[in-house]
Protein backbone atom coordinates (compact mmCIF):
# COMPACT_ATOMS: atom_id res chain seq x y z
CA MET A 1 131.47 -24.73 92.71
CA ASN A 2 128.36 -22.70 93.54
CA ASN A 3 126.29 -23.56 90.47
CA PRO A 4 124.43 -26.86 91.04
CA LEU A 5 124.00 -27.42 87.28
CA GLU A 6 127.73 -26.98 86.76
CA GLN A 7 128.37 -29.55 89.48
CA LEU A 8 125.91 -31.97 87.82
CA PHE A 9 127.68 -31.37 84.52
CA GLN A 10 131.14 -32.04 85.97
CA ASP A 11 129.98 -35.14 87.83
CA GLY A 12 128.14 -36.32 84.72
CA LEU A 13 131.11 -35.74 82.48
CA LYS A 14 133.29 -37.85 84.77
CA THR A 15 130.77 -40.71 84.88
CA ARG A 16 130.03 -40.51 81.16
CA ARG A 17 133.76 -40.76 80.36
CA GLU A 18 134.19 -43.70 82.73
CA VAL A 19 131.28 -45.65 81.22
CA LEU A 20 131.43 -44.75 77.52
CA GLY A 21 135.09 -43.88 77.19
CA ALA A 22 136.76 -40.47 77.15
CA GLU A 23 137.49 -40.64 73.43
CA TYR A 24 133.81 -41.06 72.52
CA VAL A 25 132.54 -38.48 75.02
CA ASP A 26 135.17 -35.86 74.28
CA GLY A 27 134.59 -36.33 70.54
CA SER A 28 130.84 -35.84 70.97
CA MET A 29 131.41 -32.70 72.98
CA ALA A 30 133.96 -31.34 70.49
CA ARG A 31 131.69 -31.95 67.48
CA ALA A 32 128.73 -30.19 69.08
CA ASN A 33 127.88 -26.89 67.42
CA ASP A 34 125.88 -24.21 69.23
CA PHE A 35 122.63 -26.02 68.45
CA MET A 36 123.79 -29.48 69.62
CA SER A 37 125.69 -28.25 72.66
CA ALA A 38 122.39 -27.71 74.50
CA PHE A 39 121.63 -31.40 74.04
CA GLN A 40 125.15 -32.40 75.15
CA HIS A 41 124.75 -30.33 78.30
CA ILE A 42 121.33 -31.64 79.30
CA THR A 43 122.43 -35.23 78.62
CA THR A 44 125.58 -34.81 80.66
CA GLU A 45 123.85 -32.97 83.50
CA TRP A 46 120.63 -34.94 83.91
CA CYS A 47 121.33 -38.36 82.45
CA TRP A 48 124.92 -38.80 83.56
CA GLY A 49 125.16 -36.29 86.42
CA TYR A 50 121.80 -36.91 88.05
CA ALA A 51 120.45 -40.35 87.10
CA TRP A 52 123.68 -42.32 86.75
CA ASN A 53 125.12 -40.95 89.99
CA ARG A 54 122.14 -41.68 92.23
CA PRO A 55 122.97 -44.11 95.03
CA GLY A 56 120.02 -46.50 94.54
CA LEU A 57 121.47 -48.74 91.79
CA GLU A 58 124.92 -49.92 90.79
CA ARG A 59 126.25 -49.00 87.36
CA LYS A 60 125.99 -52.62 86.25
CA THR A 61 122.26 -52.63 86.99
CA ARG A 62 121.78 -49.30 85.22
CA SER A 63 123.57 -50.69 82.16
CA MET A 64 121.33 -53.77 82.18
CA LEU A 65 118.22 -51.61 82.40
CA ASN A 66 119.44 -49.39 79.58
CA LEU A 67 119.96 -52.35 77.26
CA ALA A 68 116.41 -53.55 77.93
CA MET A 69 114.86 -50.10 77.52
CA LEU A 70 116.84 -49.31 74.38
CA THR A 71 115.71 -52.62 72.90
CA ALA A 72 112.10 -51.71 73.73
CA LEU A 73 112.61 -48.36 71.99
CA ASN A 74 114.39 -50.08 69.07
CA ARG A 75 117.38 -47.75 69.21
CA PRO A 76 120.27 -49.81 67.72
CA ALA A 77 122.77 -46.94 67.64
CA GLU A 78 122.30 -46.37 71.36
CA ILE A 79 122.35 -50.12 72.07
CA LYS A 80 125.74 -50.26 70.35
CA LEU A 81 127.08 -47.54 72.61
CA HIS A 82 125.57 -49.03 75.75
CA VAL A 83 126.80 -52.57 75.07
CA LYS A 84 130.32 -51.15 75.35
CA GLY A 85 129.31 -49.34 78.52
CA ALA A 86 127.74 -52.50 79.90
CA LEU A 87 130.99 -54.40 79.38
CA THR A 88 132.84 -51.60 81.15
CA ASN A 89 130.37 -51.86 84.03
CA GLY A 90 130.87 -55.61 84.45
CA VAL A 91 127.89 -57.01 82.52
CA THR A 92 128.89 -60.35 81.04
CA VAL A 93 128.26 -61.62 77.53
CA GLU A 94 125.86 -64.20 78.98
CA GLU A 95 123.96 -61.50 80.89
CA ILE A 96 123.72 -59.32 77.76
CA LYS A 97 122.29 -62.30 75.86
CA GLU A 98 119.70 -62.96 78.57
CA ILE A 99 118.72 -59.28 78.78
CA LEU A 100 118.17 -59.16 75.03
CA LEU A 101 116.22 -62.44 75.03
CA GLN A 102 113.95 -61.16 77.79
CA ALA A 103 113.44 -57.87 75.94
CA THR A 104 112.75 -59.71 72.68
CA VAL A 105 109.88 -61.65 74.27
CA TYR A 106 108.26 -58.47 75.58
CA CYS A 107 109.21 -56.02 72.80
CA GLY A 108 108.94 -58.19 69.72
CA ILE A 109 111.18 -60.01 67.30
CA PRO A 110 112.06 -56.98 65.10
CA ALA A 111 113.32 -54.96 68.08
CA GLY A 112 115.12 -57.99 69.47
CA LEU A 113 116.72 -58.77 66.13
CA ASP A 114 118.12 -55.25 65.81
CA ALA A 115 119.41 -55.41 69.39
CA PHE A 116 121.06 -58.81 68.89
CA LYS A 117 122.69 -57.75 65.62
CA VAL A 118 124.25 -54.61 67.01
CA ALA A 119 125.22 -56.24 70.32
CA ASN A 120 126.87 -59.12 68.45
CA GLN A 121 128.85 -56.63 66.36
CA VAL A 122 130.09 -54.78 69.43
CA LEU A 123 130.90 -57.96 71.33
CA GLU A 124 132.94 -59.23 68.38
CA GLU A 125 134.75 -55.90 67.97
CA GLU A 126 135.55 -55.78 71.69
CA GLY A 127 136.80 -59.38 71.77
CA ALA A 128 134.22 -60.17 74.44
CA PHE A 129 133.41 -63.62 73.08
CA LYS A 130 137.06 -64.68 73.34
CA GLN A 131 137.31 -63.29 76.85
CA ALA A 132 134.12 -65.13 77.89
CA GLU A 133 135.52 -68.43 76.53
CA LYS A 134 138.64 -68.08 78.68
CA LYS A 135 136.61 -67.79 81.88
């Protein structure tokens, strides 16, 4: 592959599928019209191809950072998506709780409440509470 952006896209697509799930990623790509496809490409290339594939941090750490930053930005829809990704990347229920508590102190109760609500929903849907009890 001679085009560096195409390589970033392909690498990003692989990582994005591994973290968020192929069904979600492929659905997002398939639903993108001409207008939205530009966003899908830049997200896949730069977020997932460049940032997520850098050697300096493990995926687990990146997931933990994302949960904190998304709480700070009060982005519940993205938190929902990234809680699933965090579980995939080995972040435990207890770690997710601690990340959200830390972010709540620094970002405020309203942002923390939204983050806890959506994280709780995802953790219930994924059966993560039951899995954590077994350990």
